[in-house]
Amino acid sequence: MEETGRLSRHFWMTQGMARAVGVNLNTALQEGRISRSDYGQAIAECCHCAYHQRCLDWLAVNGAGAERQPAFCAIGPMLDRLREVE
């Protein structure tokens, strides 16, 4: 159960970071701009990121919108690629 909660938390953190910088991961998936594997990899990268608390703090301040994600964001390169085509 603990692992499920951890995955759920990082799923929502991944969604929140993407949304904060104007990227809709669900739309990107539906349009074929990312694969299910890419999506899962992004969540896994979030899970293994050493900046969990910094991310939560950043989202608390910037979750309503920001030009770009913080430099420490593990999924930053993917978000940059997706933002370029949106």
C-alpha atoms as a PDB file:
ATOM      1  CA  MET A   1       0.000   0.000   0.000  1.00  0.00           C
ATOM      2  CA  GLU A   2       2.834   2.394   0.808  1.00  0.00           C
ATOM      3  CA  GLU A   3       4.297   2.026  -2.709  1.00  0.00           C
ATOM      4  CA  THR A   4       0.884   2.744  -4.250  1.00  0.00           C
ATOM      5  CA  GLY A   5       0.641   5.939  -2.220  1.00  0.00           C
ATOM      6  CA  ARG A   6       4.131   6.974  -3.284  1.00  0.00           C
ATOM      7  CA  LEU A   7       3.358   6.381  -6.965  1.00  0.00           C
ATOM      8  CA  SER A   8       0.088   8.254  -6.648  1.00  0.00           C
ATOM      9  CA  ARG A   9       1.807  11.215  -4.992  1.00  0.00           C
ATOM     10  CA  HIS A  10       4.428  11.410  -7.759  1.00  0.00           C
ATOM     11  CA  PHE A  11       1.800  10.974 -10.461  1.00  0.00           C
ATOM     12  CA  TRP A  12       0.053  14.068  -9.120  1.00  0.00           C
ATOM     13  CA  MET A  13       3.321  15.942  -8.677  1.00  0.00           C
ATOM     14  CA  THR A  14       4.210  15.182 -12.315  1.00  0.00           C
ATOM     15  CA  GLN A  15       0.773  16.354 -13.422  1.00  0.00           C
ATOM     16  CA  GLY A  16       1.024  19.469 -11.254  1.00  0.00           C
ATOM     17  CA  MET A  17       4.459  20.462 -12.528  1.00  0.00           C
ATOM     18  CA  ALA A  18       3.363  20.004 -16.135  1.00  0.00           C
ATOM     19  CA  ARG A  19       0.157  21.958 -15.585  1.00  0.00           C
ATOM     20  CA  ALA A  20       2.046  24.768 -13.827  1.00  0.00           C
ATOM     21  CA  VAL A  21       4.162  25.339 -16.952  1.00  0.00           C
ATOM     22  CA  GLY A  22       1.319  24.988 -19.432  1.00  0.00           C
ATOM     23  CA  VAL A  23       1.780  21.376 -20.524  1.00  0.00           C
ATOM     24  CA  ASN A  24      -1.150  18.964 -20.562  1.00  0.00           C
ATOM     25  CA  LEU A  25       0.347  15.477 -20.298  1.00  0.00           C
ATOM     26  CA  ASN A  26      -2.973  13.763 -20.960  1.00  0.00           C
ATOM     27  CA  THR A  27      -3.428  15.677 -24.210  1.00  0.00           C
ATOM     28  CA  ALA A  28       0.190  14.973 -25.199  1.00  0.00           C
ATOM     29  CA  LEU A  29      -0.469  11.274 -24.618  1.00  0.00           C
ATOM     30  CA  GLN A  30      -3.743  11.295 -26.580  1.00  0.00           C
ATOM     31  CA  GLU A  31      -2.104  13.150 -29.481  1.00  0.00           C
ATOM     32  CA  GLY A  32       0.845  10.744 -29.578  1.00  0.00           C
ATOM     33  CA  ARG A  33       3.450  13.345 -28.611  1.00  0.00           C
ATOM     34  CA  ILE A  34       4.474  11.098 -25.721  1.00  0.00           C
ATOM     35  CA  SER A  35       4.010   7.365 -25.291  1.00  0.00           C
ATOM     36  CA  ARG A  36       2.646   5.543 -22.281  1.00  0.00           C
ATOM     37  CA  SER A  37       6.221   4.491 -21.648  1.00  0.00           C
ATOM     38  CA  ASP A  38       7.361   8.148 -21.706  1.00  0.00           C
ATOM     39  CA  TYR A  39       4.588   9.034 -19.279  1.00  0.00           C
ATOM     40  CA  GLY A  40       5.540   6.207 -16.937  1.00  0.00           C
ATOM     41  CA  GLN A  41       9.209   7.154 -17.185  1.00  0.00           C
ATOM     42  CA  ALA A  42       8.385  10.738 -16.196  1.00  0.00           C
ATOM     43  CA  ILE A  43       6.572   9.505 -13.090  1.00  0.00           C
ATOM     44  CA  ALA A  44       9.486   7.178 -12.274  1.00  0.00           C
ATOM     45  CA  GLU A  45      11.960  10.057 -12.670  1.00  0.00           C
ATOM     46  CA  CYS A  46       9.841  12.124 -10.311  1.00  0.00           C
ATOM     47  CA  CYS A  47       9.790   9.233  -7.813  1.00  0.00           C
ATOM     48  CA  HIS A  48      13.578   9.023  -7.833  1.00  0.00           C
ATOM     49  CA  CYS A  49      14.238  12.765  -7.731  1.00  0.00           C
ATOM     50  CA  ALA A  50      16.177  13.995  -4.714  1.00  0.00           C
ATOM     51  CA  TYR A  51      14.255  17.289  -4.624  1.00  0.00           C
ATOM     52  CA  HIS A  52      10.841  16.043  -3.520  1.00  0.00           C
ATOM     53  CA  GLN A  53      10.305  18.682  -0.828  1.00  0.00           C
ATOM     54  CA  ARG A  54      11.717  21.513  -2.947  1.00  0.00           C
ATOM     55  CA  CYS A  55       9.290  20.498  -5.675  1.00  0.00           C
ATOM     56  CA  LEU A  56       6.328  20.566  -3.311  1.00  0.00           C
ATOM     57  CA  ASP A  57       7.419  23.972  -2.024  1.00  0.00           C
ATOM     58  CA  TRP A  58       7.805  25.282  -5.596  1.00  0.00           C
ATOM     59  CA  LEU A  59       4.392  23.927  -6.593  1.00  0.00           C
ATOM     60  CA  ALA A  60       2.796  25.553  -3.543  1.00  0.00           C
ATOM     61  CA  VAL A  61       3.988  28.948  -4.786  1.00  0.00           C
ATOM     62  CA  ASN A  62       3.943  28.461  -8.578  1.00  0.00           C
ATOM     63  CA  GLY A  63       1.286  25.813  -9.135  1.00  0.00           C
ATOM     64  CA  ALA A  64      -1.143  28.336 -10.649  1.00  0.00           C
ATOM     65  CA  GLY A  65       1.281  29.122 -13.452  1.00  0.00           C
ATOM     66  CA  ALA A  66       4.927  29.679 -14.253  1.00  0.00           C
ATOM     67  CA  GLU A  67       6.948  30.267 -17.397  1.00  0.00           C
ATOM     68  CA  ARG A  68       9.100  27.203 -16.789  1.00  0.00           C
ATOM     69  CA  GLN A  69       9.807  24.550 -14.229  1.00  0.00           C
ATOM     70  CA  PRO A  70      12.658  24.917 -11.744  1.00  0.00           C
ATOM     71  CA  ALA A  71      16.134  23.856 -12.888  1.00  0.00           C
ATOM     72  CA  PHE A  72      16.139  20.922 -10.466  1.00  0.00           C
ATOM     73  CA  CYS A  73      13.031  19.329 -12.011  1.00  0.00           C
ATOM     74  CA  ALA A  74      13.753  15.757 -13.105  1.00  0.00           C
ATOM     75  CA  ILE A  75      11.150  15.905 -15.879  1.00  0.00           C
ATOM     76  CA  GLY A  76      12.239  19.345 -17.070  1.00  0.00           C
ATOM     77  CA  PRO A  77      13.702  18.194 -20.401  1.00  0.00           C
ATOM     78  CA  MET A  78      10.464  16.407 -21.338  1.00  0.00           C
ATOM     79  CA  LEU A  79       8.393  19.435 -20.339  1.00  0.00           C
ATOM     80  CA  ASP A  80      10.635  21.689 -22.443  1.00  0.00           C
ATOM     81  CA  ARG A  81      10.130  19.458 -25.500  1.00  0.00           C
ATOM     82  CA  LEU A  82       6.366  19.344 -25.026  1.00  0.00           C
ATOM     83  CA  ARG A  83       6.086  23.076 -24.427  1.00  0.00           C
ATOM     84  CA  GLU A  84       7.916  23.751 -27.713  1.00  0.00           C
ATOM     85  CA  VAL A  85       5.128  22.099 -29.712  1.00  0.00           C
ATOM     86  CA  GLU A  86       2.145  23.457 -27.787  1.00  0.00           C
END
